[in-house]
Protein backbone atom coordinates (compact mmCIF):
# COMPACT_ATOMS: atom_id res chain seq x y z
CA UNK A 1 78.09 50.93 58.13
CA UNK A 2 81.42 51.94 59.96
CA UNK A 3 81.87 54.86 62.69
CA UNK A 4 83.98 58.06 61.14
CA UNK A 5 86.69 59.01 62.85
CA UNK A 6 87.12 62.12 65.20
CA UNK A 7 89.39 64.49 63.18
CA UNK A 8 93.07 64.62 62.69
CA UNK A 9 95.15 62.33 61.25
CA UNK A 10 92.00 60.01 60.17
CA UNK A 11 89.96 62.75 58.56
CA UNK A 12 91.15 61.74 55.13
CA UNK A 13 89.47 58.80 55.08
CA UNK A 14 86.68 59.42 57.15
CA UNK A 15 85.87 61.98 54.77
CA UNK A 16 86.51 59.50 52.20
CA UNK A 17 84.25 57.54 53.53
CA UNK A 18 81.34 59.71 54.05
CA UNK A 19 81.44 60.62 50.56
CA UNK A 20 81.45 57.48 49.05
CA UNK A 21 78.18 56.85 51.67
CA UNK A 22 76.39 59.77 50.51
CA UNK A 23 77.02 59.46 46.28
CA UNK A 24 75.98 55.20 46.81
CA UNK A 25 73.09 55.65 49.08
CA UNK A 26 71.68 58.36 48.24
CA UNK A 27 71.45 57.68 44.26
CA UNK A 28 69.96 53.84 45.53
CA UNK A 29 67.34 56.07 47.11
CA UNK A 30 67.02 58.22 43.82
CA UNK A 31 66.38 55.51 42.01
CA UNK A 32 64.02 53.30 44.57
CA UNK A 33 61.92 56.56 44.43
CA UNK A 34 62.01 56.83 40.58
CA UNK A 35 62.22 53.24 39.80
CA UNK A 36 59.12 51.98 42.16
CA UNK A 37 56.13 54.75 40.87
CA UNK A 38 56.52 53.77 37.05
CA UNK A 39 56.52 50.07 38.40
CA UNK A 40 53.02 50.66 39.26
CA UNK A 41 51.85 53.11 37.10
CA UNK A 42 49.44 51.01 35.46
CA UNK A 43 47.90 50.30 38.81
CA UNK A 44 48.05 53.93 39.93
CA UNK A 45 45.23 56.62 39.55
CA UNK A 46 45.68 59.93 38.05
CA UNK A 47 45.36 62.13 39.89
CA UNK A 48 46.78 60.14 42.97
CA UNK A 49 45.41 61.36 47.11
CA UNK A 50 48.32 63.06 48.35
CA UNK A 51 46.64 64.19 51.47
CA UNK A 52 44.36 62.97 54.14
CA UNK A 53 42.73 64.77 57.42
CA UNK A 54 40.84 63.77 60.12
CA UNK A 55 41.30 60.02 59.13
CA UNK A 56 41.14 57.84 55.97
CA UNK A 57 39.45 59.71 53.74
CA UNK A 58 41.72 61.72 51.08
CA UNK A 59 40.94 65.61 50.62
CA UNK A 60 43.85 67.13 48.42
CA UNK A 61 45.57 65.53 44.98
CA UNK A 62 48.31 66.14 42.72
CA UNK A 63 48.72 64.47 39.61
CA UNK A 64 50.88 61.37 38.92
CA UNK A 65 54.22 63.78 37.57
CA UNK A 66 53.76 65.97 39.70
CA UNK A 67 54.22 64.46 43.03
CA UNK A 68 57.09 62.18 41.67
CA UNK A 69 59.08 65.59 41.59
CA UNK A 70 57.66 66.78 45.16
CA UNK A 71 58.87 63.74 46.24
CA UNK A 72 62.39 63.85 45.25
CA UNK A 73 62.46 67.50 45.92
CA UNK A 74 61.75 66.31 49.45
CA UNK A 75 64.37 64.04 49.50
CA UNK A 76 66.82 65.28 46.68
CA UNK A 77 67.62 69.17 48.10
CA UNK A 78 68.83 67.87 51.18
CA UNK A 79 71.33 64.62 49.81
CA UNK A 80 72.33 67.41 48.13
CA UNK A 81 73.31 69.68 50.19
CA UNK A 82 74.63 66.48 52.93
CA UNK A 83 76.79 65.58 49.59
CA UNK A 84 77.99 68.91 49.33
CA UNK A 85 79.11 68.91 53.04
CA UNK A 86 80.55 66.06 52.83
CA UNK A 87 82.79 66.58 49.97
CA UNK A 88 83.33 70.12 52.18
CA UNK A 89 84.99 68.44 55.40
CA UNK A 90 81.93 70.23 56.93
CA UNK A 91 80.63 67.03 58.58
CA UNK A 92 83.48 65.43 59.64
CA UNK A 93 84.83 68.51 62.16
CA UNK A 94 82.96 67.11 65.86
CA UNK A 95 81.46 64.71 67.29
CA UNK A 96 77.78 66.69 67.44
CA UNK A 97 78.24 67.42 63.65
CA UNK A 98 79.25 63.85 62.89
CA UNK A 99 76.21 62.58 64.36
CA UNK A 100 73.51 64.63 63.03
CA UNK A 101 75.21 64.74 59.10
CA UNK A 102 74.81 60.66 59.38
CA UNK A 103 70.88 60.95 60.90
CA UNK A 104 69.84 63.36 58.70
CA UNK A 105 71.69 61.27 55.83
CA UNK A 106 69.83 58.33 57.05
CA UNK A 107 66.91 58.84 59.41
CA UNK A 108 65.68 61.49 56.20
CA UNK A 109 65.61 59.21 53.55
CA UNK A 110 63.78 56.32 55.47
CA UNK A 111 61.18 59.09 55.93
CA UNK A 112 61.18 60.03 52.12
CA UNK A 113 61.36 56.81 51.11
CA UNK A 114 57.86 56.18 53.60
CA UNK A 115 56.23 59.52 52.77
CA UNK A 116 55.93 57.85 48.45
CA UNK A 117 55.41 54.11 49.93
CA UNK A 118 52.66 55.31 52.04
CA UNK A 119 50.74 57.21 49.12
CA UNK A 120 51.53 54.59 46.06
CA UNK A 121 49.88 51.86 48.74
CA UNK A 122 46.98 53.88 49.68
CA UNK A 123 46.46 55.13 45.63
CA UNK A 124 47.49 51.03 44.97
CA UNK A 125 44.55 49.61 42.78
CA UNK A 126 41.98 52.81 43.44
CA UNK A 127 39.73 53.60 41.10
CA UNK A 128 39.83 57.25 41.40
CA UNK A 129 42.19 59.63 43.59
CA UNK A 130 38.74 59.77 46.27
CA UNK A 131 38.79 56.24 47.08
CA UNK A 132 42.27 56.72 48.24
CA UNK A 133 42.42 55.01 52.06
CA UNK A 134 45.04 55.42 54.48
CA UNK A 135 44.97 54.28 57.29
CA UNK A 136 45.63 56.83 59.98
CA UNK A 137 48.59 55.03 62.24
CA UNK A 138 50.49 55.57 59.22
CA UNK A 139 52.22 58.17 59.24
CA UNK A 140 53.55 57.76 62.97
CA UNK A 141 55.12 54.44 61.35
CA UNK A 142 56.76 56.21 58.89
CA UNK A 143 58.47 58.88 61.62
CA UNK A 144 59.09 56.18 64.16
CA UNK A 145 61.30 54.42 61.16
CA UNK A 146 62.40 57.24 60.18
CA UNK A 147 63.88 58.57 63.57
CA UNK A 148 65.32 55.00 65.07
CA UNK A 149 67.31 54.75 61.82
CA UNK A 150 67.85 58.26 62.08
CA UNK A 151 69.48 57.39 66.05
CA UNK A 152 71.26 54.48 65.17
CA UNK A 153 73.04 55.82 61.93
CA UNK A 154 73.92 58.33 63.75
CA UNK A 155 75.15 56.29 66.25
CA UNK A 156 77.10 54.35 64.44
CA UNK A 157 78.47 57.56 62.48
CA UNK A 158 78.82 59.47 65.74
CA UNK A 159 83.03 58.72 65.76
CA UNK A 160 85.81 58.53 68.20
CA UNK A 161 85.51 62.30 70.83
CA UNK A 162 86.67 65.26 69.95
CA UNK A 163 89.94 66.23 70.77
CA UNK A 164 90.15 68.16 74.31
CA UNK A 165 90.45 72.12 73.51
CA UNK A 166 89.68 74.78 75.44
CA UNK A 167 92.91 74.88 78.02
CA UNK A 168 95.04 77.93 76.05
CA UNK A 169 98.85 77.51 75.93
CA UNK A 170 99.69 80.11 77.93
CA UNK A 171 98.52 80.76 81.51
CA UNK A 172 94.91 81.80 81.43
CA UNK A 173 94.35 85.26 81.48
CA UNK A 174 93.99 87.59 85.29
CA UNK A 175 94.04 90.69 86.95
CA UNK A 176 94.89 92.22 90.20
CA UNK A 177 92.34 92.75 92.45
CA UNK A 178 92.21 96.32 94.62
CA UNK A 179 92.03 95.53 98.05
CA UNK A 180 88.20 96.65 99.18
CA UNK A 181 87.30 97.28 96.01
CA UNK A 182 84.95 94.59 94.35
CA UNK A 183 84.55 94.23 90.48
CA UNK A 184 81.59 93.29 88.22
CA UNK A 185 81.98 92.23 84.48
CA UNK A 186 78.52 92.37 82.40
CA UNK A 187 77.82 91.04 78.84
CA UNK A 188 74.74 91.23 78.06
CA UNK A 189 74.34 89.59 73.51
CA UNK A 190 71.28 88.65 71.87
CA UNK A 191 70.30 86.72 69.19
CA UNK A 192 68.09 88.74 66.51
CA UNK A 193 66.45 85.88 65.08
CA UNK A 194 64.93 84.32 68.00
CA UNK A 195 64.12 87.23 68.90
CA UNK A 196 62.25 88.04 65.91
CA UNK A 197 60.42 84.28 66.30
CA UNK A 198 59.58 85.35 69.66
CA UNK A 199 57.69 88.56 68.31
CA UNK A 200 56.45 86.67 65.06
CA UNK A 201 55.01 83.16 66.63
CA UNK A 202 52.70 85.36 68.99
CA UNK A 203 51.33 87.63 65.95
CA UNK A 204 50.59 84.46 64.65
CA UNK A 205 48.63 82.24 66.61
CA UNK A 206 46.42 85.91 67.31
CA UNK A 207 46.06 85.94 62.73
CA UNK A 208 44.67 82.28 63.85
CA UNK A 209 42.74 82.72 66.91
CA UNK A 210 40.98 85.91 64.35
CA UNK A 211 40.78 83.68 61.30
CA UNK A 212 38.99 80.45 63.40
CA UNK A 213 36.58 83.03 64.74
CA UNK A 214 35.54 83.57 61.89
CA UNK A 215 35.38 80.09 60.52
CA UNK A 216 37.88 80.24 58.00
CA UNK A 217 39.87 78.28 60.28
CA UNK A 218 38.79 74.96 61.57
CA UNK A 219 39.49 74.97 65.65
CA UNK A 220 40.92 72.31 65.83
CA UNK A 221 43.63 73.00 63.12
CA UNK A 222 43.38 76.63 64.70
CA UNK A 223 44.34 74.76 68.44
CA UNK A 224 47.12 72.73 66.32
CA UNK A 225 49.35 75.61 64.81
CA UNK A 226 48.62 77.62 68.68
CA UNK A 227 50.00 74.39 70.41
CA UNK A 228 53.45 74.99 68.24
CA UNK A 229 53.47 79.01 68.28
CA UNK A 230 53.01 79.20 71.93
CA UNK A 231 55.39 77.29 73.02
CA UNK A 232 57.93 78.58 69.97
CA UNK A 233 57.16 82.28 71.72
CA UNK A 234 58.11 81.20 74.88
CA UNK A 235 61.23 79.92 73.88
CA UNK A 236 62.30 82.30 71.42
CA UNK A 237 61.80 85.06 75.00
CA UNK A 238 63.49 82.63 77.06
CA UNK A 239 66.79 81.66 75.18
CA UNK A 240 67.23 85.69 72.66
CA UNK A 241 69.46 87.09 74.99
CA UNK A 242 72.09 86.16 77.18
CA UNK A 243 73.16 88.16 80.14
CA UNK A 244 76.71 86.74 81.49
CA UNK A 245 78.06 88.47 84.98
CA UNK A 246 81.48 88.04 86.64
CA UNK A 247 81.18 89.04 90.15
CA UNK A 248 82.99 88.20 93.28
CA UNK A 249 80.29 85.18 94.19
CA UNK A 250 81.70 83.58 90.38
CA UNK A 251 79.70 83.26 87.08
CA UNK A 252 75.94 83.73 86.51
CA UNK A 253 74.06 83.28 83.68
CA UNK A 254 71.10 84.75 83.27
CA UNK A 255 68.29 83.99 80.42
CA UNK A 256 65.68 85.62 78.98
CA UNK A 257 64.92 89.85 78.68
CA UNK A 258 65.10 90.09 83.06
CA UNK A 259 67.94 87.74 82.69
CA UNK A 260 66.10 84.96 84.39
CA UNK A 261 65.69 81.99 85.11
CA UNK A 262 69.88 81.85 86.28
CA UNK A 263 72.52 79.43 86.65
CA UNK A 264 75.13 80.23 88.86
CA UNK A 265 78.34 78.64 88.95
CA UNK A 266 80.49 79.45 92.43
CA UNK A 267 83.63 80.51 92.04
CA UNK A 268 85.42 77.67 94.65
CA UNK A 269 84.00 75.52 91.67
CA UNK A 270 85.89 76.59 89.06
CA UNK A 271 89.41 75.73 87.94
CA UNK A 272 90.23 78.23 85.34
CA UNK A 273 88.21 80.74 82.56
CA UNK A 274 89.11 81.55 79.79
CA UNK A 275 87.83 82.82 76.35
CA UNK A 276 87.42 80.99 72.94
CA UNK A 277 86.00 81.48 69.44
CA UNK A 278 83.46 79.83 68.74
CA UNK A 279 80.72 79.13 65.51
CA UNK A 280 77.00 77.14 65.85
CA UNK A 281 78.98 74.92 63.17
CA UNK A 282 81.89 73.65 65.41
CA UNK A 283 78.97 72.81 68.71
CA UNK A 284 76.32 71.55 65.72
CA UNK A 285 73.95 74.68 66.31
CA UNK A 286 72.42 77.58 68.46
CA UNK A 287 71.20 76.74 71.71
CA UNK A 288 72.44 74.99 74.76
CA UNK A 289 74.26 72.03 72.36
CA UNK A 290 76.54 69.13 74.03
CA UNK A 291 77.29 65.77 73.47
CA UNK A 292 77.21 63.35 75.86
CA UNK A 293 80.34 61.64 77.27
CA UNK A 294 81.96 64.65 76.34
CA UNK A 295 81.50 66.47 79.13
CA UNK A 296 81.48 69.73 77.12
CA UNK A 297 78.53 71.94 77.00
CA UNK A 298 77.79 75.40 74.83
CA UNK A 299 74.88 78.02 74.96
CA UNK A 300 75.36 79.49 71.79
CA UNK A 301 73.86 82.62 70.38
CA UNK A 302 75.97 83.47 68.23
CA UNK A 303 79.66 83.23 66.93
CA UNK A 304 82.48 84.29 67.78
CA UNK A 305 83.71 85.11 71.69
CA UNK A 306 82.68 82.63 73.86
CA UNK A 307 83.37 83.05 77.54
CA UNK A 308 84.81 79.57 78.37
CA UNK A 309 84.66 77.85 82.11
CA UNK A 310 86.74 74.40 83.69
CA UNK A 311 84.90 73.61 86.46
CA UNK A 312 87.34 72.11 89.64
CA UNK A 313 85.02 69.02 89.04
CA UNK A 314 85.65 68.35 84.89
CA UNK A 315 83.77 69.42 82.37
CA UNK A 316 83.72 72.10 80.56
CA UNK A 317 80.50 74.95 79.97
CA UNK A 318 80.71 78.25 77.17
CA UNK A 319 78.80 80.79 76.73
CA UNK A 320 78.51 83.99 73.98
CA UNK A 321 80.01 87.15 75.67
CA UNK A 322 81.38 90.08 74.32
CA UNK A 323 84.86 91.05 75.72
CA UNK A 324 85.39 87.55 77.01
CA UNK A 325 88.95 87.83 77.59
CA UNK A 326 88.37 91.15 80.28
CA UNK A 327 85.37 88.96 81.93
CA UNK A 328 87.71 85.59 81.87
CA UNK A 329 90.27 87.73 83.63
CA UNK A 330 88.23 88.71 85.98
CA UNK A 331 86.58 85.77 86.54
CA UNK A 332 90.29 83.87 86.96
CA UNK A 333 91.27 86.52 89.70
CA UNK A 334 88.29 85.90 91.89
CA UNK A 335 89.23 82.27 91.18
CA UNK A 336 92.36 82.83 92.78
CA UNK A 337 91.15 84.82 95.99
CA UNK A 338 88.98 82.07 96.52
CA UNK A 339 90.94 79.37 96.51
CA UNK A 340 93.41 81.60 98.72
CA UNK A 341 90.65 82.09 101.17
């Protein structure tokens, strides 16, 4: 697979490559997912074993036709979305999006094929679905191979680095500080979806604990759900809100409802600051987004205004902030003051 070029003069050829590869690869995967089960139809029981729990013993089943439809949907929905993104050009805007697009196109296909292949292998020549044994290591092998293929595809499809952005054509805004007066600018931004996630995750955990106490849910299953719900809740609390402060010491970015933990960048370590509009699609999603080798990091809570700084030692950092232009102007004033002291 050829690396997809970065946006710009080569955007049209890169888009054409992405569309062609997605169409050919997706059609081939779909054809294989239909042809192989049909070719093995006489050697498979009906219904098929489709779920294994606690080892290699099956505990759920599905008809041959239903399993085929579910498997095709597992791959087909993702393929259509990825193909539509390529046709629209959304898959090529930035390097991080290109990496995710190529990785998901190939990694998810391998995962879907692995799920179907392992199911067919377990049911092959079995008299009934209850005799379909699946080695416990199979799912881990499928996940490992899919991850490896997706990582390689993302690397090959990453294209060139994003064009340098951030420095405005005009000098960054600044305000005039009055002697003897210290001004502080504060912006607080919250993501309601992350807040909702942080609240519902522990509620779900409490429900699971109640079900486990009433023997409705197995204790191992309850612990598995809790091991996912608790980290999600903590992560949601930590990242749902950001508090950005500009003061004489420089820039402070605090996480969570109490603004802690926090990261401070001294005014003397900043070259300049400015306001810029960014969207999750441009940086690769929500949260802390960074592309290795670019030196650009974004703390994305919502699309819109961001306060961006360029560090004196190189690299950029952006954070979601309302009224970011005023914050950048004040920060530039303190930067100038620190440089003159």
